[in-house]
Amino acid sequence: TDGLAALALAAKEARRIDLGIGVIPLHTRGPDSIVQGVQANALPLDRLLLGVGSPNPDALKRVRAGIALLRARLSTRLIVAALGPQMCRVAGEVADGVLFNWLTPEHARRSAESVRAGAASAGRPAPKVFAYVRVALGAAACERLAEEGARYAAIPAYADNFARMGVKPVETAIAAQSPDAIPRALDAWRGAVDEIVLRAVTAKDTVEENVALVRAAKSA
């Protein structure tokens, strides 16, 4: 399903909250196509957080150019997905927000410093820093988390990311066997980023599983 079309459905049901998509790969969908998708789905620009990224060679150049084109045509907040220090600096220079993925809290703090350094070099305020934090509850969900991590580890950019941190994919996530373990694990993220985007990993993707996980995280 097209992410922008799915977001349009959410926009019809939720009239006040921000609506984010993270992220659209610029190497497979260029700025013109993204603009067309936003306009065709009549997404509310004042509530939209439009995430883009690129893991391929020439990613830095592609992201700079992509953000410039999108900013010229859409009056909305632009978010850049960043892994390595160079992309973090670029994101700090050009984006309204930065999205981390598969990072430990410690590495997220270091990456946020690179973002702020990039913003300072461009003479602009530091963008807001977000982080996907995957949370799994129970043995079956933790197994799915491990499988997802293995898929990402097969992607060169993410393989480099894990090697740079010296950790396995699951070590960047929260694999909990009991609900009370989740708040303690989330405490490690306090002060690391401006906002956590909780990525729920459940055994069967049921509403009940997701509600239970969110309730456990809410007490953090």
N, C-alpha and C. Protein backbone atom coordinates (compact mmCIF):
# COMPACT_ATOMS: atom_id res chain seq x y z
N THR A 1 0.84 -1.19 0.00
CA THR A 1 0.00 0.00 0.00
C THR A 1 0.88 1.25 0.00
N ASP A 2 0.51 2.24 -0.83
CA ASP A 2 1.23 3.49 -0.86
C ASP A 2 1.11 4.18 0.49
N GLY A 3 2.25 4.56 1.06
CA GLY A 3 2.25 5.16 2.39
C GLY A 3 1.48 6.46 2.45
N LEU A 4 1.55 7.25 1.40
CA LEU A 4 0.83 8.53 1.38
C LEU A 4 -0.68 8.31 1.33
N ALA A 5 -1.11 7.30 0.58
CA ALA A 5 -2.54 6.98 0.52
C ALA A 5 -3.04 6.50 1.88
N ALA A 6 -2.22 5.69 2.54
CA ALA A 6 -2.59 5.22 3.88
C ALA A 6 -2.68 6.38 4.86
N LEU A 7 -1.77 7.33 4.71
CA LEU A 7 -1.78 8.50 5.59
C LEU A 7 -3.03 9.35 5.36
N ALA A 8 -3.50 9.37 4.12
CA ALA A 8 -4.71 10.13 3.81
C ALA A 8 -5.91 9.56 4.56
N LEU A 9 -5.96 8.24 4.70
CA LEU A 9 -7.04 7.61 5.46
C LEU A 9 -6.98 8.03 6.92
N ALA A 10 -5.75 8.07 7.46
CA ALA A 10 -5.59 8.50 8.85
C ALA A 10 -5.99 9.96 9.02
N ALA A 11 -5.68 10.77 8.02
CA ALA A 11 -5.99 12.21 8.10
C ALA A 11 -7.49 12.45 8.18
N LYS A 12 -8.27 11.59 7.55
CA LYS A 12 -9.73 11.74 7.58
C LYS A 12 -10.31 11.41 8.95
N GLU A 13 -9.64 10.49 9.65
CA GLU A 13 -10.15 10.06 10.95
C GLU A 13 -9.61 10.90 12.11
N ALA A 14 -8.36 11.36 11.96
CA ALA A 14 -7.71 12.14 13.01
C ALA A 14 -7.54 13.57 12.52
N ARG A 15 -8.26 14.49 13.11
CA ARG A 15 -8.30 15.86 12.60
C ARG A 15 -7.31 16.81 13.26
N ARG A 16 -6.64 16.37 14.33
CA ARG A 16 -5.77 17.29 15.06
C ARG A 16 -4.32 16.84 15.18
N ILE A 17 -4.08 15.54 15.26
CA ILE A 17 -2.72 15.08 15.50
C ILE A 17 -1.84 15.22 14.26
N ASP A 18 -0.53 15.29 14.49
CA ASP A 18 0.41 15.31 13.38
C ASP A 18 0.39 13.97 12.66
N LEU A 19 0.72 14.00 11.38
CA LEU A 19 0.71 12.81 10.54
C LEU A 19 2.09 12.65 9.91
N GLY A 20 2.76 11.55 10.23
CA GLY A 20 4.12 11.37 9.73
C GLY A 20 4.27 10.14 8.87
N ILE A 21 5.15 10.21 7.89
CA ILE A 21 5.53 9.05 7.10
C ILE A 21 7.04 8.97 7.09
N GLY A 22 7.56 7.81 7.49
CA GLY A 22 9.01 7.69 7.58
C GLY A 22 9.50 6.31 7.18
N VAL A 23 10.20 6.23 6.08
CA VAL A 23 10.47 7.35 5.18
C VAL A 23 10.28 6.88 3.73
N ILE A 24 10.16 7.87 2.82
CA ILE A 24 10.06 7.56 1.39
C ILE A 24 11.48 7.58 0.81
N PRO A 25 11.92 6.50 0.16
CA PRO A 25 13.27 6.46 -0.40
C PRO A 25 13.39 7.30 -1.68
N LEU A 26 14.26 8.27 -1.66
CA LEU A 26 14.41 9.17 -2.80
C LEU A 26 15.01 8.49 -4.01
N HIS A 27 15.72 7.38 -3.81
CA HIS A 27 16.32 6.70 -4.96
C HIS A 27 15.32 5.85 -5.73
N THR A 28 14.14 5.63 -5.16
CA THR A 28 13.10 4.89 -5.88
C THR A 28 11.87 5.75 -6.19
N ARG A 29 11.71 6.85 -5.46
CA ARG A 29 10.60 7.76 -5.72
C ARG A 29 11.11 9.19 -5.60
N GLY A 30 11.23 9.86 -6.71
CA GLY A 30 11.81 11.19 -6.73
C GLY A 30 10.89 12.26 -6.18
N PRO A 31 11.43 13.47 -5.99
CA PRO A 31 10.65 14.57 -5.42
C PRO A 31 9.36 14.88 -6.18
N ASP A 32 9.40 14.85 -7.52
CA ASP A 32 8.20 15.16 -8.30
C ASP A 32 7.08 14.18 -7.97
N SER A 33 7.43 12.90 -7.90
CA SER A 33 6.43 11.87 -7.58
C SER A 33 5.90 12.04 -6.17
N ILE A 34 6.77 12.41 -5.25
CA ILE A 34 6.34 12.62 -3.86
C ILE A 34 5.37 13.79 -3.77
N VAL A 35 5.70 14.89 -4.44
CA VAL A 35 4.81 16.06 -4.44
C VAL A 35 3.45 15.69 -5.02
N GLN A 36 3.46 14.97 -6.12
CA GLN A 36 2.21 14.54 -6.74
C GLN A 36 1.39 13.68 -5.78
N GLY A 37 2.07 12.79 -5.05
CA GLY A 37 1.38 11.93 -4.10
C GLY A 37 0.77 12.70 -2.95
N VAL A 38 1.50 13.68 -2.44
CA VAL A 38 0.98 14.51 -1.35
C VAL A 38 -0.24 15.30 -1.81
N GLN A 39 -0.14 15.88 -3.00
CA GLN A 39 -1.25 16.69 -3.51
C GLN A 39 -2.45 15.84 -3.90
N ALA A 40 -2.21 14.69 -4.52
CA ALA A 40 -3.30 13.82 -4.96
C ALA A 40 -4.11 13.30 -3.78
N ASN A 41 -3.42 13.11 -2.65
CA ASN A 41 -4.09 12.60 -1.46
C ASN A 41 -4.58 13.71 -0.53
N ALA A 42 -4.39 14.96 -0.98
CA ALA A 42 -4.88 16.12 -0.22
C ALA A 42 -4.45 16.07 1.24
N LEU A 43 -3.18 15.75 1.46
CA LEU A 43 -2.68 15.66 2.83
C LEU A 43 -2.56 17.06 3.44
N PRO A 44 -2.94 17.21 4.70
CA PRO A 44 -2.87 18.53 5.35
C PRO A 44 -1.43 18.92 5.65
N LEU A 45 -0.92 19.90 4.93
CA LEU A 45 0.49 20.25 5.04
C LEU A 45 0.86 20.77 6.42
N ASP A 46 -0.08 21.40 7.11
CA ASP A 46 0.23 21.94 8.43
C ASP A 46 0.44 20.85 9.47
N ARG A 47 -0.06 19.65 9.19
CA ARG A 47 0.10 18.54 10.14
C ARG A 47 1.06 17.47 9.65
N LEU A 48 1.55 17.61 8.44
CA LEU A 48 2.36 16.56 7.82
C LEU A 48 3.83 16.65 8.20
N LEU A 49 4.40 15.51 8.54
CA LEU A 49 5.85 15.36 8.69
C LEU A 49 6.28 14.39 7.60
N LEU A 50 6.90 14.93 6.57
CA LEU A 50 7.23 14.15 5.37
C LEU A 50 8.67 13.65 5.46
N GLY A 51 8.81 12.35 5.66
CA GLY A 51 10.13 11.76 5.82
C GLY A 51 10.68 11.20 4.53
N VAL A 52 11.95 11.51 4.26
CA VAL A 52 12.63 10.98 3.08
C VAL A 52 14.02 10.50 3.49
N GLY A 53 14.61 9.69 2.62
CA GLY A 53 15.96 9.20 2.89
C GLY A 53 16.52 8.52 1.67
N SER A 54 17.77 8.11 1.76
CA SER A 54 18.41 7.40 0.66
C SER A 54 19.64 6.68 1.19
N PRO A 55 19.71 5.34 1.04
CA PRO A 55 20.86 4.59 1.55
C PRO A 55 21.92 4.32 0.49
N ASN A 56 21.66 4.70 -0.74
CA ASN A 56 22.51 4.31 -1.85
C ASN A 56 23.72 5.23 -2.00
N PRO A 57 24.67 4.86 -2.90
CA PRO A 57 25.76 5.78 -3.22
C PRO A 57 25.20 7.12 -3.69
N ASP A 58 25.92 8.18 -3.43
CA ASP A 58 25.48 9.55 -3.72
C ASP A 58 24.30 9.98 -2.86
N ALA A 59 24.10 9.29 -1.73
CA ALA A 59 22.95 9.59 -0.88
C ALA A 59 22.98 11.03 -0.37
N LEU A 60 24.15 11.52 0.02
CA LEU A 60 24.24 12.88 0.57
C LEU A 60 23.77 13.91 -0.46
N LYS A 61 24.27 13.77 -1.67
CA LYS A 61 23.89 14.69 -2.74
C LYS A 61 22.41 14.57 -3.06
N ARG A 62 21.92 13.33 -3.10
CA ARG A 62 20.52 13.10 -3.44
C ARG A 62 19.59 13.69 -2.39
N VAL A 63 19.95 13.55 -1.13
CA VAL A 63 19.10 14.08 -0.06
C VAL A 63 19.11 15.60 -0.08
N ARG A 64 20.27 16.21 -0.25
CA ARG A 64 20.33 17.67 -0.33
C ARG A 64 19.42 18.19 -1.45
N ALA A 65 19.59 17.60 -2.63
CA ALA A 65 18.81 18.05 -3.78
C ALA A 65 17.33 17.77 -3.58
N GLY A 66 17.02 16.61 -3.03
CA GLY A 66 15.62 16.24 -2.82
C GLY A 66 14.92 17.17 -1.85
N ILE A 67 15.59 17.49 -0.75
CA ILE A 67 15.00 18.40 0.24
C ILE A 67 14.79 19.78 -0.37
N ALA A 68 15.75 20.25 -1.16
CA ALA A 68 15.62 21.57 -1.79
C ALA A 68 14.41 21.63 -2.71
N LEU A 69 14.21 20.58 -3.50
CA LEU A 69 13.08 20.54 -4.42
C LEU A 69 11.75 20.43 -3.68
N LEU A 70 11.72 19.60 -2.66
CA LEU A 70 10.49 19.44 -1.89
C LEU A 70 10.13 20.73 -1.15
N ARG A 71 11.13 21.39 -0.60
CA ARG A 71 10.87 22.63 0.15
C ARG A 71 10.34 23.73 -0.77
N ALA A 72 10.78 23.72 -2.01
CA ALA A 72 10.33 24.73 -2.96
C ALA A 72 8.87 24.54 -3.36
N ARG A 73 8.35 23.32 -3.17
CA ARG A 73 7.00 23.02 -3.67
C ARG A 73 5.99 22.65 -2.59
N LEU A 74 6.47 22.34 -1.40
CA LEU A 74 5.56 21.94 -0.32
C LEU A 74 5.87 22.72 0.95
N SER A 75 4.89 23.38 1.50
CA SER A 75 5.07 24.10 2.76
C SER A 75 4.74 23.18 3.91
N THR A 76 5.63 22.24 4.15
CA THR A 76 5.43 21.28 5.23
C THR A 76 6.77 20.95 5.86
N ARG A 77 6.73 20.25 6.97
CA ARG A 77 7.97 19.88 7.66
C ARG A 77 8.61 18.67 6.99
N LEU A 78 9.90 18.78 6.72
CA LEU A 78 10.63 17.74 6.01
C LEU A 78 11.59 17.04 6.97
N ILE A 79 11.47 15.72 7.01
CA ILE A 79 12.26 14.90 7.92
C ILE A 79 13.23 14.05 7.11
N VAL A 80 14.47 13.97 7.56
CA VAL A 80 15.49 13.16 6.88
C VAL A 80 15.87 11.98 7.75
N ALA A 81 15.86 10.79 7.16
CA ALA A 81 16.35 9.60 7.85
C ALA A 81 17.87 9.60 7.78
N ALA A 82 18.52 9.41 8.92
CA ALA A 82 19.98 9.48 8.96
C ALA A 82 20.55 8.36 9.81
N LEU A 83 21.61 7.73 9.30
CA LEU A 83 22.33 6.70 10.05
C LEU A 83 23.73 7.16 10.40
N GLY A 84 24.55 7.39 9.38
CA GLY A 84 25.94 7.75 9.60
C GLY A 84 26.14 9.21 9.96
N PRO A 85 27.33 9.56 10.44
CA PRO A 85 27.61 10.93 10.87
C PRO A 85 27.50 11.97 9.76
N GLN A 86 27.87 11.60 8.53
CA GLN A 86 27.78 12.57 7.44
C GLN A 86 26.33 12.92 7.12
N MET A 87 25.48 11.90 7.07
CA MET A 87 24.07 12.17 6.80
C MET A 87 23.43 12.93 7.96
N CYS A 88 23.88 12.66 9.17
CA CYS A 88 23.37 13.41 10.32
C CYS A 88 23.69 14.89 10.19
N ARG A 89 24.90 15.19 9.74
CA ARG A 89 25.28 16.60 9.55
C ARG A 89 24.46 17.25 8.44
N VAL A 90 24.29 16.52 7.34
CA VAL A 90 23.48 17.06 6.24
C VAL A 90 22.05 17.31 6.71
N ALA A 91 21.50 16.37 7.45
CA ALA A 91 20.15 16.53 7.97
C ALA A 91 20.06 17.77 8.85
N GLY A 92 21.08 17.99 9.67
CA GLY A 92 21.11 19.18 10.51
C GLY A 92 21.14 20.46 9.70
N GLU A 93 21.77 20.40 8.54
CA GLU A 93 21.90 21.58 7.68
C GLU A 93 20.62 21.93 6.93
N VAL A 94 19.82 20.90 6.57
CA VAL A 94 18.72 21.17 5.64
C VAL A 94 17.32 20.78 6.11
N ALA A 95 17.21 19.91 7.12
CA ALA A 95 15.91 19.33 7.45
C ALA A 95 15.22 20.04 8.62
N ASP A 96 13.93 19.78 8.75
CA ASP A 96 13.16 20.26 9.89
C ASP A 96 13.14 19.24 11.02
N GLY A 97 13.51 18.02 10.69
CA GLY A 97 13.57 16.95 11.66
C GLY A 97 14.45 15.83 11.15
N VAL A 98 14.93 15.01 12.06
CA VAL A 98 15.80 13.89 11.71
C VAL A 98 15.24 12.64 12.36
N LEU A 99 15.24 11.55 11.60
CA LEU A 99 14.73 10.28 12.11
C LEU A 99 15.84 9.25 12.16
N PHE A 100 16.11 8.74 13.37
CA PHE A 100 17.07 7.66 13.55
C PHE A 100 16.34 6.32 13.53
N ASN A 101 17.09 5.28 13.20
CA ASN A 101 16.51 3.94 13.10
C ASN A 101 17.57 2.92 13.45
N TRP A 102 17.21 1.94 14.27
CA TRP A 102 18.14 0.88 14.66
C TRP A 102 19.40 1.45 15.31
N LEU A 103 19.23 2.34 16.28
CA LEU A 103 20.36 2.88 17.04
C LEU A 103 20.19 2.55 18.52
N THR A 104 21.31 2.43 19.21
CA THR A 104 21.28 2.35 20.66
C THR A 104 21.09 3.76 21.22
N PRO A 105 20.61 3.90 22.44
CA PRO A 105 20.48 5.25 23.02
C PRO A 105 21.81 6.01 23.02
N GLU A 106 22.88 5.32 23.35
CA GLU A 106 24.20 5.97 23.38
C GLU A 106 24.58 6.51 22.01
N HIS A 107 24.38 5.70 20.98
CA HIS A 107 24.74 6.14 19.64
C HIS A 107 23.79 7.22 19.15
N ALA A 108 22.54 7.17 19.59
CA ALA A 108 21.59 8.22 19.23
C ALA A 108 22.05 9.57 19.77
N ARG A 109 22.59 9.57 20.98
CA ARG A 109 23.10 10.82 21.56
C ARG A 109 24.24 11.38 20.71
N ARG A 110 25.16 10.50 20.30
CA ARG A 110 26.28 10.94 19.46
C ARG A 110 25.78 11.45 18.11
N SER A 111 24.82 10.74 17.54
CA SER A 111 24.28 11.14 16.25
C SER A 111 23.57 12.48 16.36
N ALA A 112 22.87 12.70 17.46
CA ALA A 112 22.19 13.98 17.67
C ALA A 112 23.21 15.12 17.74
N GLU A 113 24.38 14.85 18.29
CA GLU A 113 25.43 15.87 18.33
C GLU A 113 25.87 16.23 16.92
N SER A 114 25.97 15.24 16.03
CA SER A 114 26.33 15.50 14.64
C SER A 114 25.25 16.33 13.95
N VAL A 115 24.00 16.05 14.26
CA VAL A 115 22.89 16.83 13.71
C VAL A 115 23.02 18.29 14.14
N ARG A 116 23.25 18.50 15.43
CA ARG A 116 23.36 19.87 15.94
C ARG A 116 24.57 20.59 15.35
N ALA A 117 25.66 19.85 15.14
CA ALA A 117 26.84 20.46 14.54
C ALA A 117 26.55 20.90 13.11
N GLY A 118 25.81 20.07 12.37
CA GLY A 118 25.44 20.45 11.01
C GLY A 118 24.57 21.68 10.99
N ALA A 119 23.62 21.75 11.91
CA ALA A 119 22.74 22.92 11.98
C ALA A 119 23.53 24.18 12.32
N ALA A 120 24.46 24.06 13.25
CA ALA A 120 25.27 25.21 13.65
C ALA A 120 26.12 25.71 12.49
N SER A 121 26.67 24.78 11.70
CA SER A 121 27.50 25.17 10.57
C SER A 121 26.69 25.90 9.50
N ALA A 122 25.39 25.60 9.45
CA ALA A 122 24.51 26.25 8.47
C ALA A 122 23.84 27.49 9.05
N GLY A 123 24.12 27.79 10.33
CA GLY A 123 23.55 28.96 10.96
C GLY A 123 22.05 28.89 11.13
N ARG A 124 21.55 27.70 11.46
CA ARG A 124 20.10 27.53 11.61
C ARG A 124 19.81 26.76 12.88
N PRO A 125 18.58 26.84 13.41
CA PRO A 125 18.25 26.09 14.61
C PRO A 125 18.35 24.59 14.37
N ALA A 126 18.69 23.86 15.41
CA ALA A 126 18.79 22.41 15.28
C ALA A 126 17.41 21.81 15.04
N PRO A 127 17.29 20.89 14.09
CA PRO A 127 16.00 20.25 13.85
C PRO A 127 15.63 19.30 14.97
N LYS A 128 14.36 18.97 15.06
CA LYS A 128 13.89 18.02 16.05
C LYS A 128 14.41 16.63 15.71
N VAL A 129 14.82 15.89 16.73
CA VAL A 129 15.39 14.56 16.53
C VAL A 129 14.42 13.49 17.03
N PHE A 130 14.05 12.60 16.11
CA PHE A 130 13.17 11.48 16.42
C PHE A 130 13.96 10.18 16.33
N ALA A 131 13.47 9.14 16.97
CA ALA A 131 14.09 7.82 16.85
C ALA A 131 13.03 6.74 16.87
N TYR A 132 13.09 5.86 15.87
CA TYR A 132 12.30 4.64 15.92
C TYR A 132 12.88 3.76 17.02
N VAL A 133 12.06 3.31 17.94
CA VAL A 133 12.49 2.35 18.96
C VAL A 133 11.56 1.15 18.87
N ARG A 134 12.11 0.05 18.44
CA ARG A 134 11.31 -1.18 18.32
C ARG A 134 11.14 -1.82 19.69
N VAL A 135 9.90 -2.19 19.98
CA VAL A 135 9.58 -2.81 21.26
C VAL A 135 8.78 -4.08 21.01
N ALA A 136 9.26 -5.18 21.56
CA ALA A 136 8.57 -6.47 21.45
C ALA A 136 8.29 -7.00 22.84
N LEU A 137 7.14 -7.63 23.01
CA LEU A 137 6.73 -8.17 24.30
C LEU A 137 6.35 -9.63 24.15
N GLY A 138 7.11 -10.51 24.82
CA GLY A 138 6.83 -11.94 24.77
C GLY A 138 7.73 -12.67 23.80
N ALA A 139 7.84 -13.98 23.98
CA ALA A 139 8.78 -14.79 23.21
C ALA A 139 8.51 -14.75 21.71
N ALA A 140 7.26 -14.90 21.32
CA ALA A 140 6.93 -14.92 19.89
C ALA A 140 7.22 -13.57 19.23
N ALA A 141 6.89 -12.49 19.92
CA ALA A 141 7.17 -11.16 19.38
C ALA A 141 8.67 -10.91 19.29
N CYS A 142 9.41 -11.36 20.28
CA CYS A 142 10.86 -11.19 20.27
C CYS A 142 11.49 -11.97 19.12
N GLU A 143 10.90 -13.10 18.79
CA GLU A 143 11.40 -13.88 17.65
C GLU A 143 11.17 -13.11 16.35
N ARG A 144 10.02 -12.47 16.23
CA ARG A 144 9.76 -11.65 15.04
C ARG A 144 10.70 -10.46 14.98
N LEU A 145 11.02 -9.89 16.12
CA LEU A 145 11.97 -8.79 16.18
C LEU A 145 13.33 -9.23 15.68
N ALA A 146 13.78 -10.40 16.10
CA ALA A 146 15.07 -10.93 15.66
C ALA A 146 15.07 -11.15 14.15
N GLU A 147 13.96 -11.64 13.62
CA GLU A 147 13.86 -11.86 12.17
C GLU A 147 13.92 -10.55 11.41
N GLU A 148 13.24 -9.54 11.93
CA GLU A 148 13.27 -8.23 11.28
C GLU A 148 14.68 -7.64 11.31
N GLY A 149 15.35 -7.81 12.44
CA GLY A 149 16.72 -7.33 12.55
C GLY A 149 17.64 -8.00 11.56
N ALA A 150 17.45 -9.29 11.35
CA ALA A 150 18.28 -10.03 10.40
C ALA A 150 18.08 -9.52 8.98
N ARG A 151 16.85 -9.17 8.65
CA ARG A 151 16.58 -8.63 7.31
C ARG A 151 17.30 -7.30 7.11
N TYR A 152 17.25 -6.46 8.12
CA TYR A 152 17.94 -5.17 8.01
C TYR A 152 19.46 -5.34 7.96
N ALA A 153 19.96 -6.31 8.71
CA ALA A 153 21.41 -6.54 8.74
C ALA A 153 21.94 -6.98 7.39
N ALA A 154 21.06 -7.46 6.52
CA ALA A 154 21.47 -7.88 5.18
C ALA A 154 21.56 -6.69 4.21
N ILE A 155 21.10 -5.53 4.64
CA ILE A 155 21.18 -4.31 3.83
C ILE A 155 22.51 -3.62 4.12
N PRO A 156 23.34 -3.36 3.10
CA PRO A 156 24.69 -2.83 3.35
C PRO A 156 24.74 -1.61 4.26
N ALA A 157 23.87 -0.65 4.05
CA ALA A 157 23.92 0.57 4.87
C ALA A 157 23.66 0.25 6.34
N TYR A 158 22.73 -0.66 6.60
CA TYR A 158 22.44 -1.03 7.98
C TYR A 158 23.50 -1.95 8.55
N ALA A 159 24.07 -2.80 7.71
CA ALA A 159 25.17 -3.64 8.17
C ALA A 159 26.32 -2.77 8.64
N ASP A 160 26.61 -1.71 7.89
CA ASP A 160 27.66 -0.77 8.30
C ASP A 160 27.28 -0.08 9.61
N ASN A 161 26.01 0.24 9.74
CA ASN A 161 25.52 0.90 10.95
C ASN A 161 25.73 0.02 12.18
N PHE A 162 25.37 -1.25 12.09
CA PHE A 162 25.54 -2.16 13.23
C PHE A 162 27.02 -2.39 13.52
N ALA A 163 27.83 -2.48 12.47
CA ALA A 163 29.27 -2.67 12.66
C ALA A 163 29.89 -1.45 13.34
N ARG A 164 29.43 -0.27 12.96
CA ARG A 164 29.95 0.97 13.54
C ARG A 164 29.66 1.04 15.03
N MET A 165 28.49 0.54 15.43
CA MET A 165 28.12 0.55 16.84
C MET A 165 28.67 -0.65 17.59
N GLY A 166 29.02 -1.72 16.85
CA GLY A 166 29.51 -2.93 17.49
C GLY A 166 28.43 -3.70 18.22
N VAL A 167 27.20 -3.71 17.66
CA VAL A 167 26.09 -4.40 18.30
C VAL A 167 25.32 -5.22 17.27
N LYS A 168 24.51 -6.15 17.78
CA LYS A 168 23.57 -6.88 16.94
C LYS A 168 22.29 -6.05 16.82
N PRO A 169 21.51 -6.25 15.75
CA PRO A 169 20.29 -5.46 15.59
C PRO A 169 19.38 -5.45 16.81
N VAL A 170 19.17 -6.61 17.41
CA VAL A 170 18.24 -6.70 18.53
C VAL A 170 18.71 -5.88 19.73
N GLU A 171 20.01 -5.59 19.80
CA GLU A 171 20.53 -4.81 20.91
C GLU A 171 20.17 -3.33 20.81
N THR A 172 19.65 -2.91 19.67
CA THR A 172 19.19 -1.53 19.54
C THR A 172 17.71 -1.40 19.89
N ALA A 173 17.06 -2.54 20.12
CA ALA A 173 15.62 -2.57 20.37
C ALA A 173 15.35 -2.99 21.81
N ILE A 174 14.07 -3.10 22.13
CA ILE A 174 13.66 -3.56 23.45
C ILE A 174 12.92 -4.88 23.28
N ALA A 175 13.56 -5.95 23.71
CA ALA A 175 12.97 -7.29 23.63
C ALA A 175 12.60 -7.69 25.05
N ALA A 176 11.34 -7.50 25.40
CA ALA A 176 10.88 -7.69 26.78
C ALA A 176 10.07 -8.96 26.93
N GLN A 177 10.28 -9.63 28.04
CA GLN A 177 9.49 -10.83 28.35
C GLN A 177 8.33 -10.52 29.29
N SER A 178 8.36 -9.35 29.90
CA SER A 178 7.27 -8.95 30.80
C SER A 178 6.99 -7.46 30.61
N PRO A 179 5.75 -7.02 30.82
CA PRO A 179 5.40 -5.61 30.60
C PRO A 179 6.22 -4.64 31.44
N ASP A 180 6.56 -5.02 32.67
CA ASP A 180 7.28 -4.08 33.53
C ASP A 180 8.71 -3.84 33.10
N ALA A 181 9.22 -4.67 32.17
CA ALA A 181 10.58 -4.46 31.67
C ALA A 181 10.64 -3.33 30.65
N ILE A 182 9.51 -3.00 30.05
CA ILE A 182 9.50 -2.00 28.98
C ILE A 182 9.78 -0.59 29.50
N PRO A 183 9.11 -0.12 30.55
CA PRO A 183 9.43 1.23 31.06
C PRO A 183 10.89 1.38 31.47
N ARG A 184 11.44 0.36 32.09
CA ARG A 184 12.85 0.44 32.51
C ARG A 184 13.76 0.60 31.30
N ALA A 185 13.47 -0.15 30.23
CA ALA A 185 14.30 -0.06 29.03
C ALA A 185 14.13 1.29 28.34
N LEU A 186 12.92 1.82 28.34
CA LEU A 186 12.69 3.12 27.71
C LEU A 186 13.36 4.26 28.46
N ASP A 187 13.60 4.07 29.75
CA ASP A 187 14.29 5.10 30.53
C ASP A 187 15.66 5.44 29.96
N ALA A 188 16.29 4.46 29.31
CA ALA A 188 17.62 4.68 28.74
C ALA A 188 17.58 5.71 27.61
N TRP A 189 16.41 5.96 27.06
CA TRP A 189 16.28 6.91 25.96
C TRP A 189 16.03 8.34 26.42
N ARG A 190 15.82 8.53 27.71
CA ARG A 190 15.54 9.88 28.19
C ARG A 190 16.72 10.81 27.89
N GLY A 191 16.43 11.89 27.20
CA GLY A 191 17.46 12.86 26.87
C GLY A 191 18.28 12.54 25.64
N ALA A 192 18.11 11.33 25.08
CA ALA A 192 18.89 10.95 23.91
C ALA A 192 18.37 11.64 22.65
N VAL A 193 17.05 11.72 22.53
CA VAL A 193 16.41 12.35 21.38
C VAL A 193 15.24 13.20 21.88
N ASP A 194 14.65 13.95 20.98
CA ASP A 194 13.51 14.79 21.37
C ASP A 194 12.22 13.98 21.48
N GLU A 195 12.07 12.98 20.63
CA GLU A 195 10.83 12.20 20.64
C GLU A 195 11.08 10.78 20.15
N ILE A 196 10.52 9.83 20.86
CA ILE A 196 10.59 8.42 20.46
C ILE A 196 9.36 8.08 19.63
N VAL A 197 9.60 7.35 18.54
CA VAL A 197 8.51 6.79 17.75
C VAL A 197 8.50 5.29 18.04
N LEU A 198 7.55 4.86 18.84
CA LEU A 198 7.51 3.47 19.25
C LEU A 198 7.05 2.59 18.10
N ARG A 199 7.89 1.63 17.75
CA ARG A 199 7.58 0.68 16.68
C ARG A 199 7.20 -0.64 17.32
N ALA A 200 5.91 -0.92 17.39
CA ALA A 200 5.43 -2.12 18.07
C ALA A 200 5.68 -3.36 17.22
N VAL A 201 6.31 -4.34 17.81
CA VAL A 201 6.52 -5.64 17.17
C VAL A 201 5.76 -6.67 17.99
N THR A 202 4.73 -7.26 17.40
CA THR A 202 3.90 -8.21 18.13
C THR A 202 3.89 -9.56 17.43
N ALA A 203 3.36 -10.56 18.11
CA ALA A 203 3.37 -11.91 17.56
C ALA A 203 2.44 -12.05 16.37
N LYS A 204 1.21 -11.49 16.49
CA LYS A 204 0.21 -11.71 15.45
C LYS A 204 -0.43 -10.42 14.93
N ASP A 205 0.11 -9.29 15.34
CA ASP A 205 -0.39 -7.99 14.88
C ASP A 205 -1.86 -7.76 15.22
N THR A 206 -2.29 -8.25 16.36
CA THR A 206 -3.67 -8.02 16.77
C THR A 206 -3.79 -6.68 17.49
N VAL A 207 -5.00 -6.16 17.52
CA VAL A 207 -5.25 -4.91 18.24
C VAL A 207 -4.93 -5.08 19.72
N GLU A 208 -5.32 -6.22 20.27
CA GLU A 208 -5.10 -6.47 21.69
C GLU A 208 -3.62 -6.47 22.05
N GLU A 209 -2.80 -7.08 21.19
CA GLU A 209 -1.36 -7.11 21.45
C GLU A 209 -0.77 -5.70 21.42
N ASN A 210 -1.19 -4.93 20.44
CA ASN A 210 -0.66 -3.57 20.32
C ASN A 210 -1.10 -2.69 21.49
N VAL A 211 -2.34 -2.84 21.92
CA VAL A 211 -2.82 -2.06 23.05
C VAL A 211 -2.05 -2.42 24.32
N ALA A 212 -1.81 -3.72 24.53
CA ALA A 212 -1.06 -4.15 25.71
C ALA A 212 0.35 -3.58 25.71
N LEU A 213 0.97 -3.56 24.54
CA LEU A 213 2.33 -3.05 24.45
C LEU A 213 2.36 -1.54 24.70
N VAL A 214 1.43 -0.83 24.10
CA VAL A 214 1.38 0.63 24.29
C VAL A 214 1.10 0.99 25.74
N ARG A 215 0.22 0.24 26.39
CA ARG A 215 -0.06 0.50 27.80
C ARG A 215 1.18 0.31 28.65
N ALA A 216 1.95 -0.72 28.34
CA ALA A 216 3.18 -0.96 29.10
C ALA A 216 4.18 0.18 28.88
N ALA A 217 4.28 0.65 27.63
CA ALA A 217 5.22 1.72 27.32
C ALA A 217 4.77 3.05 27.91
N LYS A 218 3.47 3.25 28.00
CA LYS A 218 2.92 4.52 28.47
C LYS A 218 3.33 4.84 29.90
N SER A 219 3.59 3.82 30.69
CA SER A 219 3.95 4.05 32.09
C SER A 219 5.39 4.48 32.25
N ALA A 220 6.14 4.52 31.15
CA ALA A 220 7.56 4.92 31.23
C ALA A 220 7.67 6.42 31.53
